[in-house]
Amino acid sequence: QVQLVESGGGSVQAGGSLKLSCVASESRQCMGWFRQVPGEERAWVALIHFSGRTLYADSVKSRFSISWDNAKNPVYLQMNSLKPEDTAMYYCASAAISSSYDCLTRGALSDMAYWGKGTLVTISS
């Protein structure tokens, strides 16, 4: 069982930045960040395949950046220009998906095998 541990969440004002980290007990080819607001479904934020291909949700494009140096721990999510609507619990997830196309496609459907417990991000206006 792969274990994922997120860190880096916190409270910042709108316009600020945070950097989330995800450490996995075992490496998998496909990694992603997701977020969930109480009462809403979990939504994908950013995905990365070990080949380097990435995909971002429209709501965070140009503000967030996912990185994974040499496909080794940890996976980061740099979040800039944060907005109150970015407030959510952020989850890291992984899956053993060798195809970058399948990784990004399934990730966008939150079809990942392993999930962390989340780190809370709160953005105040």
N, C-alpha and C. Protein backbone atom coordinates (compact mmCIF):
# COMPACT_ATOMS: atom_id res chain seq x y z
N GLN A 1 0.84 -1.19 0.00
CA GLN A 1 0.00 0.00 0.00
C GLN A 1 0.88 1.25 0.00
N VAL A 2 0.71 2.08 -1.02
CA VAL A 2 1.48 3.31 -1.10
C VAL A 2 0.90 4.33 -0.12
N GLN A 3 1.76 4.96 0.62
CA GLN A 3 1.33 6.02 1.53
C GLN A 3 1.83 7.36 1.03
N LEU A 4 0.95 8.34 1.06
CA LEU A 4 1.27 9.69 0.62
C LEU A 4 1.04 10.65 1.77
N VAL A 5 1.99 11.54 1.99
CA VAL A 5 1.88 12.50 3.08
C VAL A 5 2.07 13.90 2.52
N GLU A 6 1.04 14.72 2.68
CA GLU A 6 1.09 16.10 2.21
C GLU A 6 1.52 17.02 3.35
N SER A 7 2.13 18.14 2.97
CA SER A 7 2.48 19.17 3.94
C SER A 7 2.54 20.50 3.22
N GLY A 8 2.61 21.57 4.00
CA GLY A 8 2.76 22.89 3.42
C GLY A 8 1.52 23.75 3.42
N GLY A 9 0.40 23.17 3.84
CA GLY A 9 -0.82 23.96 3.89
C GLY A 9 -0.75 25.02 4.97
N GLY A 10 -1.69 25.94 4.95
CA GLY A 10 -1.71 26.99 5.95
C GLY A 10 -2.69 28.07 5.57
N SER A 11 -2.60 29.18 6.27
CA SER A 11 -3.48 30.31 6.03
C SER A 11 -2.69 31.50 5.53
N VAL A 12 -3.09 32.04 4.40
CA VAL A 12 -2.45 33.23 3.84
C VAL A 12 -3.51 34.17 3.30
N GLN A 13 -3.10 35.40 3.08
CA GLN A 13 -4.02 36.37 2.50
C GLN A 13 -4.07 36.21 0.98
N ALA A 14 -5.14 36.68 0.42
CA ALA A 14 -5.28 36.67 -1.04
C ALA A 14 -4.10 37.38 -1.68
N GLY A 15 -3.62 36.79 -2.76
CA GLY A 15 -2.45 37.32 -3.44
C GLY A 15 -1.15 36.68 -2.99
N GLY A 16 -1.20 35.94 -1.90
CA GLY A 16 -0.02 35.28 -1.38
C GLY A 16 0.30 33.98 -2.06
N SER A 17 1.31 33.30 -1.53
CA SER A 17 1.77 32.04 -2.11
C SER A 17 1.94 30.97 -1.04
N LEU A 18 1.80 29.74 -1.48
CA LEU A 18 2.09 28.58 -0.65
C LEU A 18 2.71 27.51 -1.53
N LYS A 19 3.52 26.65 -0.91
CA LYS A 19 4.09 25.53 -1.65
C LYS A 19 3.78 24.26 -0.89
N LEU A 20 3.03 23.41 -1.54
CA LEU A 20 2.66 22.13 -0.95
C LEU A 20 3.67 21.06 -1.37
N SER A 21 3.90 20.10 -0.48
CA SER A 21 4.79 18.99 -0.76
C SER A 21 4.06 17.67 -0.54
N CYS A 22 4.42 16.69 -1.32
CA CYS A 22 3.84 15.35 -1.18
C CYS A 22 4.98 14.34 -1.22
N VAL A 23 5.10 13.55 -0.17
CA VAL A 23 6.10 12.49 -0.11
C VAL A 23 5.41 11.15 -0.17
N ALA A 24 5.87 10.30 -1.09
CA ALA A 24 5.28 8.97 -1.27
C ALA A 24 6.21 7.89 -0.75
N SER A 25 5.61 6.86 -0.14
CA SER A 25 6.42 5.75 0.37
C SER A 25 6.99 4.92 -0.78
N GLU A 26 6.30 4.90 -1.91
CA GLU A 26 6.77 4.20 -3.11
C GLU A 26 6.44 5.06 -4.32
N SER A 27 7.34 5.07 -5.27
CA SER A 27 7.15 5.90 -6.44
C SER A 27 6.17 5.27 -7.42
N ARG A 28 5.32 6.09 -8.03
CA ARG A 28 4.42 5.67 -9.09
C ARG A 28 4.54 6.68 -10.23
N GLN A 29 4.18 6.27 -11.45
CA GLN A 29 4.46 7.10 -12.61
C GLN A 29 3.59 8.35 -12.71
N CYS A 30 2.43 8.34 -12.10
CA CYS A 30 1.45 9.40 -12.26
C CYS A 30 1.14 10.01 -10.90
N MET A 31 1.26 11.33 -10.82
CA MET A 31 1.02 12.02 -9.55
C MET A 31 0.09 13.19 -9.81
N GLY A 32 -0.63 13.58 -8.78
CA GLY A 32 -1.51 14.72 -8.97
C GLY A 32 -1.91 15.37 -7.66
N TRP A 33 -2.38 16.59 -7.81
CA TRP A 33 -2.95 17.32 -6.69
C TRP A 33 -4.43 17.56 -6.96
N PHE A 34 -5.22 17.40 -5.91
CA PHE A 34 -6.66 17.57 -5.98
C PHE A 34 -7.10 18.41 -4.79
N ARG A 35 -8.30 18.95 -4.87
CA ARG A 35 -8.79 19.71 -3.74
C ARG A 35 -10.28 19.50 -3.56
N GLN A 36 -10.71 19.71 -2.32
CA GLN A 36 -12.12 19.51 -2.02
C GLN A 36 -12.58 20.52 -0.99
N VAL A 37 -13.71 21.11 -1.29
CA VAL A 37 -14.38 22.03 -0.38
C VAL A 37 -15.55 21.28 0.25
N PRO A 38 -15.80 21.47 1.53
CA PRO A 38 -16.93 20.76 2.16
C PRO A 38 -18.22 20.94 1.39
N GLY A 39 -18.90 19.82 1.14
CA GLY A 39 -20.15 19.87 0.42
C GLY A 39 -20.01 19.78 -1.08
N GLU A 40 -18.77 19.75 -1.56
CA GLU A 40 -18.54 19.65 -2.99
C GLU A 40 -17.71 18.41 -3.30
N GLU A 41 -17.72 18.02 -4.57
CA GLU A 41 -16.92 16.89 -4.99
C GLU A 41 -15.44 17.28 -5.07
N ARG A 42 -14.61 16.29 -4.88
CA ARG A 42 -13.18 16.54 -5.04
C ARG A 42 -12.88 16.83 -6.51
N ALA A 43 -12.00 17.80 -6.73
CA ALA A 43 -11.68 18.23 -8.09
C ALA A 43 -10.18 18.17 -8.32
N TRP A 44 -9.81 17.84 -9.53
CA TRP A 44 -8.39 17.79 -9.83
C TRP A 44 -7.86 19.20 -10.02
N VAL A 45 -6.60 19.40 -9.67
CA VAL A 45 -5.96 20.71 -9.76
C VAL A 45 -4.80 20.67 -10.76
N ALA A 46 -3.90 19.71 -10.55
CA ALA A 46 -2.73 19.61 -11.42
C ALA A 46 -2.25 18.17 -11.44
N LEU A 47 -1.77 17.74 -12.59
CA LEU A 47 -1.31 16.38 -12.77
C LEU A 47 0.08 16.39 -13.40
N ILE A 48 0.86 15.37 -13.07
CA ILE A 48 2.18 15.25 -13.68
C ILE A 48 2.51 13.78 -13.88
N HIS A 49 3.06 13.49 -15.06
CA HIS A 49 3.51 12.15 -15.39
C HIS A 49 5.03 12.12 -15.28
N PHE A 50 5.61 10.95 -15.00
CA PHE A 50 7.06 10.90 -14.79
C PHE A 50 7.83 11.31 -16.04
N SER A 51 7.17 11.33 -17.19
CA SER A 51 7.81 11.80 -18.42
C SER A 51 7.99 13.31 -18.43
N GLY A 52 7.27 13.99 -17.52
CA GLY A 52 7.36 15.44 -17.45
C GLY A 52 6.11 16.15 -17.93
N ARG A 53 5.21 15.42 -18.57
CA ARG A 53 3.97 16.04 -19.04
C ARG A 53 3.12 16.47 -17.85
N THR A 54 2.52 17.65 -18.01
CA THR A 54 1.67 18.19 -16.95
C THR A 54 0.32 18.63 -17.51
N LEU A 55 -0.62 18.79 -16.61
CA LEU A 55 -1.94 19.28 -16.99
C LEU A 55 -2.50 20.04 -15.81
N TYR A 56 -3.13 21.19 -16.11
CA TYR A 56 -3.68 22.03 -15.06
C TYR A 56 -5.15 22.31 -15.30
N ALA A 57 -5.89 22.38 -14.20
CA ALA A 57 -7.28 22.81 -14.31
C ALA A 57 -7.30 24.28 -14.72
N ASP A 58 -8.31 24.67 -15.48
CA ASP A 58 -8.38 26.06 -15.96
C ASP A 58 -8.36 27.07 -14.82
N SER A 59 -8.92 26.70 -13.71
CA SER A 59 -9.04 27.64 -12.59
C SER A 59 -7.70 27.99 -11.95
N VAL A 60 -6.68 27.18 -12.20
CA VAL A 60 -5.37 27.42 -11.57
C VAL A 60 -4.26 27.65 -12.58
N LYS A 61 -4.60 27.47 -13.86
CA LYS A 61 -3.59 27.63 -14.90
C LYS A 61 -2.94 29.01 -14.80
N SER A 62 -1.65 29.07 -14.93
CA SER A 62 -0.80 30.26 -14.86
C SER A 62 -0.55 30.73 -13.43
N ARG A 63 -1.26 30.16 -12.46
CA ARG A 63 -1.02 30.53 -11.06
C ARG A 63 -0.34 29.41 -10.28
N PHE A 64 -0.64 28.18 -10.61
CA PHE A 64 -0.09 27.02 -9.91
C PHE A 64 0.92 26.31 -10.80
N SER A 65 1.88 25.66 -10.16
CA SER A 65 2.87 24.90 -10.91
C SER A 65 3.19 23.61 -10.16
N ILE A 66 3.07 22.48 -10.85
CA ILE A 66 3.40 21.19 -10.26
C ILE A 66 4.79 20.79 -10.75
N SER A 67 5.58 20.26 -9.84
CA SER A 67 6.93 19.85 -10.21
C SER A 67 7.31 18.55 -9.52
N TRP A 68 8.23 17.86 -10.16
CA TRP A 68 8.62 16.51 -9.71
C TRP A 68 10.00 16.26 -10.29
N ASP A 69 11.03 16.67 -9.56
CA ASP A 69 12.39 16.58 -10.06
C ASP A 69 12.81 15.13 -10.27
N ASN A 70 13.09 14.79 -11.50
CA ASN A 70 13.57 13.45 -11.85
C ASN A 70 12.62 12.36 -11.36
N ALA A 71 11.35 12.68 -11.27
CA ALA A 71 10.32 11.73 -10.84
C ALA A 71 10.65 11.09 -9.49
N LYS A 72 11.25 11.90 -8.63
CA LYS A 72 11.57 11.41 -7.29
C LYS A 72 10.87 12.29 -6.26
N ASN A 73 10.78 11.78 -5.05
CA ASN A 73 10.16 12.55 -3.99
C ASN A 73 10.89 13.87 -3.78
N PRO A 74 10.13 14.86 -3.31
CA PRO A 74 8.68 14.91 -3.29
C PRO A 74 8.11 15.54 -4.57
N VAL A 75 6.78 15.52 -4.65
CA VAL A 75 6.08 16.27 -5.68
C VAL A 75 5.60 17.57 -5.05
N TYR A 76 5.80 18.67 -5.76
CA TYR A 76 5.45 19.97 -5.21
C TYR A 76 4.28 20.58 -5.98
N LEU A 77 3.56 21.44 -5.28
CA LEU A 77 2.58 22.29 -5.93
C LEU A 77 2.84 23.72 -5.45
N GLN A 78 3.42 24.52 -6.33
CA GLN A 78 3.65 25.92 -6.03
C GLN A 78 2.39 26.69 -6.39
N MET A 79 1.84 27.39 -5.42
CA MET A 79 0.59 28.12 -5.63
C MET A 79 0.84 29.61 -5.43
N ASN A 80 0.65 30.38 -6.48
CA ASN A 80 0.85 31.82 -6.43
C ASN A 80 -0.47 32.55 -6.69
N SER A 81 -0.47 33.82 -6.38
CA SER A 81 -1.66 34.66 -6.61
C SER A 81 -2.91 33.98 -6.07
N LEU A 82 -2.83 33.52 -4.86
CA LEU A 82 -3.92 32.74 -4.27
C LEU A 82 -5.17 33.60 -4.08
N LYS A 83 -6.31 32.95 -4.27
CA LYS A 83 -7.60 33.61 -4.17
C LYS A 83 -8.44 32.91 -3.07
N PRO A 84 -9.39 33.62 -2.50
CA PRO A 84 -10.24 32.96 -1.48
C PRO A 84 -10.89 31.68 -1.99
N GLU A 85 -11.21 31.64 -3.28
CA GLU A 85 -11.84 30.44 -3.83
C GLU A 85 -10.87 29.26 -3.95
N ASP A 86 -9.60 29.47 -3.65
CA ASP A 86 -8.65 28.37 -3.61
C ASP A 86 -8.67 27.66 -2.26
N THR A 87 -9.43 28.20 -1.32
CA THR A 87 -9.54 27.58 -0.01
C THR A 87 -10.14 26.19 -0.13
N ALA A 88 -9.43 25.19 0.39
CA ALA A 88 -9.88 23.80 0.28
C ALA A 88 -8.91 22.89 1.01
N MET A 89 -9.31 21.64 1.15
CA MET A 89 -8.37 20.61 1.56
C MET A 89 -7.69 20.11 0.29
N TYR A 90 -6.38 20.09 0.30
CA TYR A 90 -5.62 19.66 -0.86
C TYR A 90 -5.06 18.27 -0.63
N TYR A 91 -5.27 17.41 -1.62
CA TYR A 91 -4.85 16.02 -1.54
C TYR A 91 -3.84 15.70 -2.64
N CYS A 92 -2.90 14.88 -2.28
CA CYS A 92 -1.96 14.32 -3.24
C CYS A 92 -2.42 12.91 -3.58
N ALA A 93 -2.23 12.51 -4.81
CA ALA A 93 -2.63 11.18 -5.23
C ALA A 93 -1.63 10.63 -6.23
N SER A 94 -1.58 9.31 -6.34
CA SER A 94 -0.68 8.69 -7.30
C SER A 94 -1.32 7.45 -7.90
N ALA A 95 -0.75 7.01 -9.00
CA ALA A 95 -1.23 5.81 -9.67
C ALA A 95 -0.12 5.25 -10.54
N ALA A 96 -0.14 3.93 -10.71
CA ALA A 96 0.83 3.27 -11.58
C ALA A 96 0.29 3.27 -13.00
N ILE A 97 0.51 4.37 -13.72
CA ILE A 97 0.02 4.54 -15.09
C ILE A 97 1.21 4.92 -15.95
N SER A 98 1.62 4.01 -16.81
CA SER A 98 2.83 4.24 -17.61
C SER A 98 2.60 5.20 -18.77
N SER A 99 1.39 5.25 -19.27
CA SER A 99 1.07 6.14 -20.39
C SER A 99 0.77 7.55 -19.88
N SER A 100 1.44 8.55 -20.46
CA SER A 100 1.19 9.92 -20.03
C SER A 100 -0.23 10.34 -20.38
N TYR A 101 -0.71 9.88 -21.55
CA TYR A 101 -2.08 10.22 -21.95
C TYR A 101 -3.07 9.66 -20.94
N ASP A 102 -2.91 8.40 -20.57
CA ASP A 102 -3.83 7.79 -19.60
C ASP A 102 -3.71 8.45 -18.23
N CYS A 103 -2.49 8.80 -17.87
CA CYS A 103 -2.29 9.47 -16.58
C CYS A 103 -3.10 10.76 -16.51
N LEU A 104 -2.95 11.60 -17.52
CA LEU A 104 -3.61 12.90 -17.50
C LEU A 104 -5.12 12.75 -17.70
N THR A 105 -5.52 11.78 -18.49
CA THR A 105 -6.94 11.57 -18.72
C THR A 105 -7.64 11.03 -17.47
N ARG A 106 -7.06 9.99 -16.90
CA ARG A 106 -7.67 9.39 -15.71
C ARG A 106 -7.53 10.31 -14.51
N GLY A 107 -6.40 11.02 -14.43
CA GLY A 107 -6.23 11.96 -13.33
C GLY A 107 -7.28 13.04 -13.33
N ALA A 108 -7.64 13.51 -14.50
CA ALA A 108 -8.66 14.54 -14.61
C ALA A 108 -10.03 14.02 -14.17
N LEU A 109 -10.16 12.72 -14.09
CA LEU A 109 -11.40 12.10 -13.59
C LEU A 109 -11.24 11.65 -12.15
N SER A 110 -10.12 12.06 -11.52
CA SER A 110 -9.78 11.66 -10.15
C SER A 110 -9.66 10.15 -10.02
N ASP A 111 -9.32 9.48 -11.09
CA ASP A 111 -9.18 8.03 -11.10
C ASP A 111 -7.74 7.67 -10.73
N MET A 112 -7.42 7.83 -9.45
CA MET A 112 -6.09 7.56 -8.95
C MET A 112 -6.18 6.46 -7.89
N ALA A 113 -5.09 5.72 -7.73
CA ALA A 113 -5.14 4.55 -6.86
C ALA A 113 -4.87 4.87 -5.40
N TYR A 114 -3.99 5.81 -5.15
CA TYR A 114 -3.55 6.07 -3.78
C TYR A 114 -3.76 7.54 -3.44
N TRP A 115 -4.17 7.79 -2.21
CA TRP A 115 -4.50 9.14 -1.79
C TRP A 115 -3.89 9.45 -0.43
N GLY A 116 -3.45 10.69 -0.27
CA GLY A 116 -3.02 11.15 1.03
C GLY A 116 -4.21 11.62 1.85
N LYS A 117 -3.91 12.08 3.05
CA LYS A 117 -4.99 12.51 3.95
C LYS A 117 -5.29 14.00 3.82
N GLY A 118 -4.46 14.71 3.11
CA GLY A 118 -4.76 16.10 2.81
C GLY A 118 -4.06 17.10 3.70
N THR A 119 -3.96 18.32 3.17
CA THR A 119 -3.44 19.45 3.92
C THR A 119 -4.34 20.64 3.63
N LEU A 120 -4.70 21.38 4.67
CA LEU A 120 -5.69 22.44 4.53
C LEU A 120 -5.07 23.76 4.10
N VAL A 121 -5.67 24.37 3.10
CA VAL A 121 -5.25 25.68 2.60
C VAL A 121 -6.41 26.64 2.80
N THR A 122 -6.13 27.74 3.49
CA THR A 122 -7.16 28.74 3.74
C THR A 122 -6.66 30.10 3.27
N ILE A 123 -7.43 30.71 2.38
CA ILE A 123 -7.06 32.01 1.81
C ILE A 123 -8.09 33.04 2.26
N SER A 124 -7.60 34.07 2.93
CA SER A 124 -8.49 35.11 3.41
C SER A 124 -8.45 36.32 2.48
N SER A 125 -9.57 37.00 2.39
CA SER A 125 -9.66 38.16 1.48
C SER A 125 -9.22 39.44 2.17
